[in-house]
Amino acid sequence: MEDLLNGGIKSGQLNVLTASGGRKSLFAYERTWMVSADTNILGYEYAKDETQALANAIIKYGAPSKWSVDEYTIAKIEWAEEDDYV
C-alpha cells in the first residue's frame, strides 16, 4: 500500500487497467456495476450511476438485442457499509 501512495496515488483513488492496456483513475464516487443479459454475466462497469453504467455497457457489449434481450440488467455492487446488518 505504501508503494501505491508513494507512486502518486491520492487517498481515495484507485488506478485500474483498462481493456486497451491504459490506466484509469477511480475515485470513491464511482461505483462498480454488474452487467448481465438474462442469465449471462457480461462483466463489470465502473460508473457514477446506473445510467452511465448502461451507456458504458452498450459501448462495450453492443446492443442488448445482440444477446437476445430487450435491455441489460445493471446491478450495483454494494459496499460493506451499505449492508443491512443489525
PDB file of N, CA and C in Angstrom:
ATOM      1  N   MET A   1       0.821  -1.195   0.000  1.00  0.00           N
ATOM      2  CA  MET A   1       0.000   0.000   0.000  1.00  0.00           C
ATOM      3  C   MET A   1       0.860   1.252   0.000  1.00  0.00           C
ATOM      4  N   GLU A   2       1.935   1.221   0.765  1.00  0.00           N
ATOM      5  CA  GLU A   2       2.801   2.388   0.840  1.00  0.00           C
ATOM      6  C   GLU A   2       3.400   2.712  -0.533  1.00  0.00           C
ATOM      7  N   ASP A   3       3.777   1.670  -1.288  1.00  0.00           N
ATOM      8  CA  ASP A   3       4.311   1.890  -2.632  1.00  0.00           C
ATOM      9  C   ASP A   3       3.291   2.593  -3.521  1.00  0.00           C
ATOM     10  N   LEU A   4       2.022   2.223  -3.390  1.00  0.00           N
ATOM     11  CA  LEU A   4       0.987   2.865  -4.185  1.00  0.00           C
ATOM     12  C   LEU A   4       0.878   4.340  -3.844  1.00  0.00           C
ATOM     13  N   LEU A   5       0.913   4.639  -2.557  1.00  0.00           N
ATOM     14  CA  LEU A   5       0.803   6.032  -2.141  1.00  0.00           C
ATOM     15  C   LEU A   5       2.019   6.824  -2.589  1.00  0.00           C
ATOM     16  N   ASN A   6       3.204   6.207  -2.516  1.00  0.00           N
ATOM     17  CA  ASN A   6       4.419   6.881  -2.962  1.00  0.00           C
ATOM     18  C   ASN A   6       4.447   7.030  -4.476  1.00  0.00           C
ATOM     19  N   GLY A   7       3.671   6.204  -5.181  1.00  0.00           N
ATOM     20  CA  GLY A   7       3.639   6.259  -6.638  1.00  0.00           C
ATOM     21  C   GLY A   7       2.711   7.333  -7.173  1.00  0.00           C
ATOM     22  N   GLY A   8       2.210   8.189  -6.323  1.00  0.00           N
ATOM     23  CA  GLY A   8       1.407   9.304  -6.783  1.00  0.00           C
ATOM     24  C   GLY A   8      -0.092   9.095  -6.705  1.00  0.00           C
ATOM     25  N   ILE A   9      -0.525   8.008  -6.112  1.00  0.00           N
ATOM     26  CA  ILE A   9      -1.959   7.779  -5.985  1.00  0.00           C
ATOM     27  C   ILE A   9      -2.442   8.480  -4.726  1.00  0.00           C
ATOM     28  N   LYS A  10      -3.466   9.283  -4.873  1.00  0.00           N
ATOM     29  CA  LYS A  10      -4.011  10.025  -3.744  1.00  0.00           C
ATOM     30  C   LYS A  10      -4.952   9.143  -2.938  1.00  0.00           C
ATOM     31  N   SER A  11      -5.118   9.467  -1.687  1.00  0.00           N
ATOM     32  CA  SER A  11      -6.059   8.749  -0.849  1.00  0.00           C
ATOM     33  C   SER A  11      -7.449   8.820  -1.461  1.00  0.00           C
ATOM     34  N   GLY A  12      -8.160   7.694  -1.502  1.00  0.00           N
ATOM     35  CA  GLY A  12      -9.487   7.651  -2.078  1.00  0.00           C
ATOM     36  C   GLY A  12      -9.475   7.412  -3.576  1.00  0.00           C
ATOM     37  N   GLN A  13      -8.297   7.206  -4.141  1.00  0.00           N
ATOM     38  CA  GLN A  13      -8.162   6.994  -5.583  1.00  0.00           C
ATOM     39  C   GLN A  13      -7.612   5.596  -5.830  1.00  0.00           C
ATOM     40  N   LEU A  14      -8.109   4.950  -6.864  1.00  0.00           N
ATOM     41  CA  LEU A  14      -7.647   3.623  -7.246  1.00  0.00           C
ATOM     42  C   LEU A  14      -7.388   3.624  -8.731  1.00  0.00           C
ATOM     43  N   ASN A  15      -6.242   3.137  -9.157  1.00  0.00           N
ATOM     44  CA  ASN A  15      -5.949   3.034 -10.582  1.00  0.00           C
ATOM     45  C   ASN A  15      -6.241   1.617 -11.036  1.00  0.00           C
ATOM     46  N   VAL A  16      -6.921   1.471 -12.160  1.00  0.00           N
ATOM     47  CA  VAL A  16      -7.209   0.158 -12.727  1.00  0.00           C
ATOM     48  C   VAL A  16      -6.753   0.154 -14.177  1.00  0.00           C
ATOM     49  N   LEU A  17      -6.447  -1.043 -14.684  1.00  0.00           N
ATOM     50  CA  LEU A  17      -6.072  -1.181 -16.084  1.00  0.00           C
ATOM     51  C   LEU A  17      -7.330  -1.227 -16.929  1.00  0.00           C
ATOM     52  N   THR A  18      -7.303  -0.570 -18.060  1.00  0.00           N
ATOM     53  CA  THR A  18      -8.433  -0.610 -18.978  1.00  0.00           C
ATOM     54  C   THR A  18      -8.203  -1.717 -19.996  1.00  0.00           C
ATOM     55  N   ALA A  19      -9.223  -2.026 -20.781  1.00  0.00           N
ATOM     56  CA  ALA A  19      -9.124  -3.079 -21.784  1.00  0.00           C
ATOM     57  C   ALA A  19      -8.028  -2.782 -22.803  1.00  0.00           C
ATOM     58  N   SER A  20      -7.769  -1.513 -23.056  1.00  0.00           N
ATOM     59  CA  SER A  20      -6.744  -1.140 -24.034  1.00  0.00           C
ATOM     60  C   SER A  20      -5.345  -1.120 -23.436  1.00  0.00           C
ATOM     61  N   GLY A  21      -5.222  -1.473 -22.144  1.00  0.00           N
ATOM     62  CA  GLY A  21      -3.909  -1.509 -21.500  1.00  0.00           C
ATOM     63  C   GLY A  21      -3.536  -0.212 -20.814  1.00  0.00           C
ATOM     64  N   GLY A  22      -4.384   0.799 -20.915  1.00  0.00           N
ATOM     65  CA  GLY A  22      -4.118   2.068 -20.239  1.00  0.00           C
ATOM     66  C   GLY A  22      -4.535   2.002 -18.786  1.00  0.00           C
ATOM     67  N   ARG A  23      -4.425   3.096 -18.109  1.00  0.00           N
ATOM     68  CA  ARG A  23      -4.838   3.171 -16.708  1.00  0.00           C
ATOM     69  C   ARG A  23      -5.951   4.189 -16.570  1.00  0.00           C
ATOM     70  N   LYS A  24      -6.882   3.891 -15.675  1.00  0.00           N
ATOM     71  CA  LYS A  24      -7.997   4.785 -15.405  1.00  0.00           C
ATOM     72  C   LYS A  24      -8.055   4.989 -13.904  1.00  0.00           C
ATOM     73  N   SER A  25      -8.227   6.216 -13.485  1.00  0.00           N
ATOM     74  CA  SER A  25      -8.355   6.510 -12.058  1.00  0.00           C
ATOM     75  C   SER A  25      -9.811   6.412 -11.644  1.00  0.00           C
ATOM     76  N   LEU A  26     -10.034   5.758 -10.535  1.00  0.00           N
ATOM     77  CA  LEU A  26     -11.377   5.678  -9.962  1.00  0.00           C
ATOM     78  C   LEU A  26     -11.360   6.410  -8.637  1.00  0.00           C
ATOM     79  N   PHE A  27     -12.368   7.189  -8.402  1.00  0.00           N
ATOM     80  CA  PHE A  27     -12.497   7.860  -7.127  1.00  0.00           C
ATOM     81  C   PHE A  27     -13.674   7.259  -6.384  1.00  0.00           C
ATOM     82  N   ALA A  28     -13.775   7.552  -5.139  1.00  0.00           N
ATOM     83  CA  ALA A  28     -14.775   6.931  -4.273  1.00  0.00           C
ATOM     84  C   ALA A  28     -16.198   7.094  -4.789  1.00  0.00           C
ATOM     85  N   TYR A  29     -16.490   8.112  -5.570  1.00  0.00           N
ATOM     86  CA  TYR A  29     -17.858   8.307  -6.041  1.00  0.00           C
ATOM     87  C   TYR A  29     -18.198   7.401  -7.218  1.00  0.00           C
ATOM     88  N   GLU A  30     -17.209   6.779  -7.858  1.00  0.00           N
ATOM     89  CA  GLU A  30     -17.511   5.818  -8.912  1.00  0.00           C
ATOM     90  C   GLU A  30     -17.780   4.468  -8.271  1.00  0.00           C
ATOM     91  N   ARG A  31     -18.764   3.777  -8.785  1.00  0.00           N
ATOM     92  CA  ARG A  31     -19.197   2.514  -8.217  1.00  0.00           C
ATOM     93  C   ARG A  31     -18.943   1.393  -9.205  1.00  0.00           C
ATOM     94  N   THR A  32     -19.035   0.187  -8.714  1.00  0.00           N
ATOM     95  CA  THR A  32     -18.930  -0.992  -9.566  1.00  0.00           C
ATOM     96  C   THR A  32     -20.333  -1.505  -9.835  1.00  0.00           C
ATOM     97  N   TRP A  33     -20.625  -1.752 -11.113  1.00  0.00           N
ATOM     98  CA  TRP A  33     -21.931  -2.225 -11.545  1.00  0.00           C
ATOM     99  C   TRP A  33     -21.748  -3.532 -12.307  1.00  0.00           C
ATOM    100  N   MET A  34     -22.552  -4.542 -12.000  1.00  0.00           N
ATOM    101  CA  MET A  34     -22.514  -5.801 -12.734  1.00  0.00           C
ATOM    102  C   MET A  34     -23.499  -5.707 -13.895  1.00  0.00           C
ATOM    103  N   VAL A  35     -23.038  -6.113 -15.071  1.00  0.00           N
ATOM    104  CA  VAL A  35     -23.864  -6.067 -16.273  1.00  0.00           C
ATOM    105  C   VAL A  35     -24.186  -7.494 -16.691  1.00  0.00           C
ATOM    106  N   SER A  36     -25.484  -7.775 -16.889  1.00  0.00           N
ATOM    107  CA  SER A  36     -25.867  -9.107 -17.345  1.00  0.00           C
ATOM    108  C   SER A  36     -26.946  -9.008 -18.412  1.00  0.00           C
ATOM    109  N   ALA A  37     -27.018 -10.084 -19.200  1.00  0.00           N
ATOM    110  CA  ALA A  37     -28.041 -10.229 -20.225  1.00  0.00           C
ATOM    111  C   ALA A  37     -28.700 -11.572 -19.958  1.00  0.00           C
ATOM    112  N   ASP A  38     -29.909 -11.524 -19.427  1.00  0.00           N
ATOM    113  CA  ASP A  38     -30.622 -12.724 -18.987  1.00  0.00           C
ATOM    114  C   ASP A  38     -29.786 -13.391 -17.896  1.00  0.00           C
ATOM    115  N   THR A  39     -29.337 -14.611 -18.088  1.00  0.00           N
ATOM    116  CA  THR A  39     -28.546 -15.294 -17.064  1.00  0.00           C
ATOM    117  C   THR A  39     -27.044 -15.195 -17.318  1.00  0.00           C
ATOM    118  N   ASN A  40     -26.651 -14.452 -18.343  1.00  0.00           N
ATOM    119  CA  ASN A  40     -25.233 -14.302 -18.694  1.00  0.00           C
ATOM    120  C   ASN A  40     -24.648 -13.053 -18.052  1.00  0.00           C
ATOM    121  N   ILE A  41     -23.677 -13.221 -17.172  1.00  0.00           N
ATOM    122  CA  ILE A  41     -22.957 -12.074 -16.620  1.00  0.00           C
ATOM    123  C   ILE A  41     -21.923 -11.674 -17.652  1.00  0.00           C
ATOM    124  N   LEU A  42     -22.058 -10.458 -18.164  1.00  0.00           N
ATOM    125  CA  LEU A  42     -21.155  -9.986 -19.211  1.00  0.00           C
ATOM    126  C   LEU A  42     -19.897  -9.354 -18.646  1.00  0.00           C
ATOM    127  N   GLY A  43     -20.020  -8.733 -17.490  1.00  0.00           N
ATOM    128  CA  GLY A  43     -18.850  -8.100 -16.893  1.00  0.00           C
ATOM    129  C   GLY A  43     -19.246  -7.020 -15.914  1.00  0.00           C
ATOM    130  N   TYR A  44     -18.290  -6.150 -15.632  1.00  0.00           N
ATOM    131  CA  TYR A  44     -18.470  -5.101 -14.640  1.00  0.00           C
ATOM    132  C   TYR A  44     -18.081  -3.762 -15.240  1.00  0.00           C
ATOM    133  N   GLU A  45     -18.786  -2.732 -14.832  1.00  0.00           N
ATOM    134  CA  GLU A  45     -18.514  -1.371 -15.275  1.00  0.00           C
ATOM    135  C   GLU A  45     -18.280  -0.484 -14.058  1.00  0.00           C
ATOM    136  N   TYR A  46     -17.388   0.485 -14.197  1.00  0.00           N
ATOM    137  CA  TYR A  46     -17.167   1.497 -13.180  1.00  0.00           C
ATOM    138  C   TYR A  46     -17.854   2.766 -13.661  1.00  0.00           C
ATOM    139  N   ALA A  47     -18.785   3.268 -12.869  1.00  0.00           N
ATOM    140  CA  ALA A  47     -19.553   4.447 -13.278  1.00  0.00           C
ATOM    141  C   ALA A  47     -20.125   5.145 -12.052  1.00  0.00           C
ATOM    142  N   LYS A  48     -20.505   6.406 -12.244  1.00  0.00           N
ATOM    143  CA  LYS A  48     -21.109   7.181 -11.157  1.00  0.00           C
ATOM    144  C   LYS A  48     -22.530   6.739 -10.857  1.00  0.00           C
ATOM    145  N   ASP A  49     -23.266   6.312 -11.909  1.00  0.00           N
ATOM    146  CA  ASP A  49     -24.655   5.922 -11.693  1.00  0.00           C
ATOM    147  C   ASP A  49     -25.051   4.847 -12.699  1.00  0.00           C
ATOM    148  N   GLU A  50     -26.256   4.337 -12.537  1.00  0.00           N
ATOM    149  CA  GLU A  50     -26.757   3.249 -13.372  1.00  0.00           C
ATOM    150  C   GLU A  50     -26.850   3.657 -14.844  1.00  0.00           C
ATOM    151  N   THR A  51     -27.243   4.896 -15.101  1.00  0.00           N
ATOM    152  CA  THR A  51     -27.375   5.381 -16.474  1.00  0.00           C
ATOM    153  C   THR A  51     -26.028   5.358 -17.195  1.00  0.00           C
ATOM    154  N   GLN A  52     -24.997   5.819 -16.510  1.00  0.00           N
ATOM    155  CA  GLN A  52     -23.657   5.816 -17.103  1.00  0.00           C
ATOM    156  C   GLN A  52     -23.154   4.381 -17.276  1.00  0.00           C
ATOM    157  N   ALA A  53     -23.444   3.509 -16.318  1.00  0.00           N
ATOM    158  CA  ALA A  53     -23.035   2.103 -16.427  1.00  0.00           C
ATOM    159  C   ALA A  53     -23.700   1.445 -17.637  1.00  0.00           C
ATOM    160  N   LEU A  54     -24.975   1.762 -17.856  1.00  0.00           N
ATOM    161  CA  LEU A  54     -25.691   1.217 -19.008  1.00  0.00           C
ATOM    162  C   LEU A  54     -25.081   1.724 -20.312  1.00  0.00           C
ATOM    163  N   ALA A  55     -24.772   3.003 -20.379  1.00  0.00           N
ATOM    164  CA  ALA A  55     -24.149   3.568 -21.580  1.00  0.00           C
ATOM    165  C   ALA A  55     -22.802   2.902 -21.852  1.00  0.00           C
ATOM    166  N   ASN A  56     -22.011   2.715 -20.807  1.00  0.00           N
ATOM    167  CA  ASN A  56     -20.719   2.039 -20.952  1.00  0.00           C
ATOM    168  C   ASN A  56     -20.902   0.611 -21.455  1.00  0.00           C
ATOM    169  N   ALA A  57     -21.922  -0.082 -20.936  1.00  0.00           N
ATOM    170  CA  ALA A  57     -22.185  -1.467 -21.332  1.00  0.00           C
ATOM    171  C   ALA A  57     -22.566  -1.556 -22.811  1.00  0.00           C
ATOM    172  N   ILE A  58     -23.379  -0.626 -23.275  1.00  0.00           N
ATOM    173  CA  ILE A  58     -23.791  -0.639 -24.677  1.00  0.00           C
ATOM    174  C   ILE A  58     -22.586  -0.402 -25.585  1.00  0.00           C
ATOM    175  N   ILE A  59     -21.706   0.494 -25.174  1.00  0.00           N
ATOM    176  CA  ILE A  59     -20.485   0.730 -25.947  1.00  0.00           C
ATOM    177  C   ILE A  59     -19.621  -0.527 -25.968  1.00  0.00           C
ATOM    178  N   LYS A  60     -19.484  -1.166 -24.832  1.00  0.00           N
ATOM    179  CA  LYS A  60     -18.596  -2.320 -24.719  1.00  0.00           C
ATOM    180  C   LYS A  60     -19.181  -3.594 -25.335  1.00  0.00           C
ATOM    181  N   TYR A  61     -20.456  -3.885 -25.077  1.00  0.00           N
ATOM    182  CA  TYR A  61     -21.050  -5.168 -25.460  1.00  0.00           C
ATOM    183  C   TYR A  61     -21.986  -5.088 -26.654  1.00  0.00           C
ATOM    184  N   GLY A  62     -22.269  -3.878 -27.135  1.00  0.00           N
ATOM    185  CA  GLY A  62     -23.183  -3.722 -28.258  1.00  0.00           C
ATOM    186  C   GLY A  62     -24.621  -3.644 -27.794  1.00  0.00           C
ATOM    187  N   ALA A  63     -25.519  -3.636 -28.737  1.00  0.00           N
ATOM    188  CA  ALA A  63     -26.955  -3.537 -28.428  1.00  0.00           C
ATOM    189  C   ALA A  63     -27.415  -4.779 -27.663  1.00  0.00           C
ATOM    190  N   PRO A  64     -28.339  -4.609 -26.713  1.00  0.00           N
ATOM    191  CA  PRO A  64     -28.847  -5.757 -25.961  1.00  0.00           C
ATOM    192  C   PRO A  64     -29.418  -6.865 -26.855  1.00  0.00           C
ATOM    193  N   SER A  65     -29.974  -6.483 -28.011  1.00  0.00           N
ATOM    194  CA  SER A  65     -30.544  -7.490 -28.916  1.00  0.00           C
ATOM    195  C   SER A  65     -29.487  -8.492 -29.391  1.00  0.00           C
ATOM    196  N   LYS A  66     -28.239  -8.075 -29.376  1.00  0.00           N
ATOM    197  CA  LYS A  66     -27.134  -8.984 -29.728  1.00  0.00           C
ATOM    198  C   LYS A  66     -27.099 -10.182 -28.779  1.00  0.00           C
ATOM    199  N   TRP A  67     -27.593  -9.974 -27.565  1.00  0.00           N
ATOM    200  CA  TRP A  67     -27.609 -11.012 -26.529  1.00  0.00           C
ATOM    201  C   TRP A  67     -29.023 -11.571 -26.342  1.00  0.00           C
ATOM    202  N   SER A  68     -29.920 -11.271 -27.266  1.00  0.00           N
ATOM    203  CA  SER A  68     -31.309 -11.766 -27.250  1.00  0.00           C
ATOM    204  C   SER A  68     -32.100 -11.298 -26.037  1.00  0.00           C
ATOM    205  N   VAL A  69     -31.852 -10.061 -25.616  1.00  0.00           N
ATOM    206  CA  VAL A  69     -32.621  -9.460 -24.523  1.00  0.00           C
ATOM    207  C   VAL A  69     -33.074  -8.067 -24.956  1.00  0.00           C
ATOM    208  N   ASP A  70     -34.128  -7.569 -24.316  1.00  0.00           N
ATOM    209  CA  ASP A  70     -34.618  -6.222 -24.609  1.00  0.00           C
ATOM    210  C   ASP A  70     -33.725  -5.146 -24.008  1.00  0.00           C
ATOM    211  N   GLU A  71     -33.162  -5.446 -22.824  1.00  0.00           N
ATOM    212  CA  GLU A  71     -32.263  -4.500 -22.171  1.00  0.00           C
ATOM    213  C   GLU A  71     -31.330  -5.253 -21.232  1.00  0.00           C
ATOM    214  N   TYR A  72     -30.194  -4.637 -20.939  1.00  0.00           N
ATOM    215  CA  TYR A  72     -29.248  -5.215 -19.997  1.00  0.00           C
ATOM    216  C   TYR A  72     -29.770  -5.039 -18.575  1.00  0.00           C
ATOM    217  N   THR A  73     -29.388  -5.937 -17.709  1.00  0.00           N
ATOM    218  CA  THR A  73     -29.665  -5.780 -16.281  1.00  0.00           C
ATOM    219  C   THR A  73     -28.412  -5.190 -15.649  1.00  0.00           C
ATOM    220  N   ILE A  74     -28.582  -4.091 -14.940  1.00  0.00           N
ATOM    221  CA  ILE A  74     -27.478  -3.405 -14.278  1.00  0.00           C
ATOM    222  C   ILE A  74     -27.715  -3.498 -12.772  1.00  0.00           C
ATOM    223  N   ALA A  75     -26.760  -4.067 -12.047  1.00  0.00           N
ATOM    224  CA  ALA A  75     -26.905  -4.214 -10.596  1.00  0.00           C
ATOM    225  C   ALA A  75     -25.701  -3.583  -9.897  1.00  0.00           C
ATOM    226  N   LYS A  76     -25.987  -2.703  -8.945  1.00  0.00           N
ATOM    227  CA  LYS A  76     -24.919  -2.049  -8.185  1.00  0.00           C
ATOM    228  C   LYS A  76     -24.297  -3.050  -7.221  1.00  0.00           C
ATOM    229  N   ILE A  77     -22.976  -3.099  -7.187  1.00  0.00           N
ATOM    230  CA  ILE A  77     -22.266  -3.924  -6.217  1.00  0.00           C
ATOM    231  C   ILE A  77     -22.209  -3.115  -4.922  1.00  0.00           C
ATOM    232  N   GLU A  78     -22.848  -3.626  -3.897  1.00  0.00           N
ATOM    233  CA  GLU A  78     -22.943  -2.904  -2.624  1.00  0.00           C
ATOM    234  C   GLU A  78     -21.612  -2.925  -1.873  1.00  0.00           C
ATOM    235  N   TRP A  79     -21.315  -1.848  -1.186  1.00  0.00           N
ATOM    236  CA  TRP A  79     -20.175  -1.779  -0.294  1.00  0.00           C
ATOM    237  C   TRP A  79     -20.576  -2.369   1.046  1.00  0.00           C
ATOM    238  N   ALA A  80     -19.612  -2.848   1.799  1.00  0.00           N
ATOM    239  CA  ALA A  80     -19.888  -3.442   3.108  1.00  0.00           C
ATOM    240  C   ALA A  80     -20.650  -2.472   4.006  1.00  0.00           C
ATOM    241  N   GLU A  81     -20.380  -1.191   3.894  1.00  0.00           N
ATOM    242  CA  GLU A  81     -21.038  -0.189   4.720  1.00  0.00           C
ATOM    243  C   GLU A  81     -22.513  -0.057   4.393  1.00  0.00           C
ATOM    244  N   GLU A  82     -22.936  -0.562   3.238  1.00  0.00           N
ATOM    245  CA  GLU A  82     -24.316  -0.446   2.808  1.00  0.00           C
ATOM    246  C   GLU A  82     -25.157  -1.658   3.204  1.00  0.00           C
ATOM    247  N   ASP A  83     -24.509  -2.702   3.707  1.00  0.00           N
ATOM    248  CA  ASP A  83     -25.247  -3.892   4.099  1.00  0.00           C
ATOM    249  C   ASP A  83     -26.181  -3.573   5.263  1.00  0.00           C
ATOM    250  N   ASP A  84     -27.292  -4.252   5.295  1.00  0.00           N
ATOM    251  CA  ASP A  84     -28.298  -4.017   6.337  1.00  0.00           C
ATOM    252  C   ASP A  84     -28.081  -4.942   7.524  1.00  0.00           C
ATOM    253  N   TYR A  85     -26.872  -4.982   8.033  1.00  0.00           N
ATOM    254  CA  TYR A  85     -26.617  -5.793   9.225  1.00  0.00           C
ATOM    255  C   TYR A  85     -27.094  -5.065  10.463  1.00  0.00           C
ATOM    256  N   VAL A  86     -27.635  -5.828  11.379  1.00  0.00           N
ATOM    257  CA  VAL A  86     -28.110  -5.233  12.623  1.00  0.00           C
ATOM    258  C   VAL A  86     -27.164  -5.586  13.738  1.00  0.00           C
TER     259      VAL A  86
END
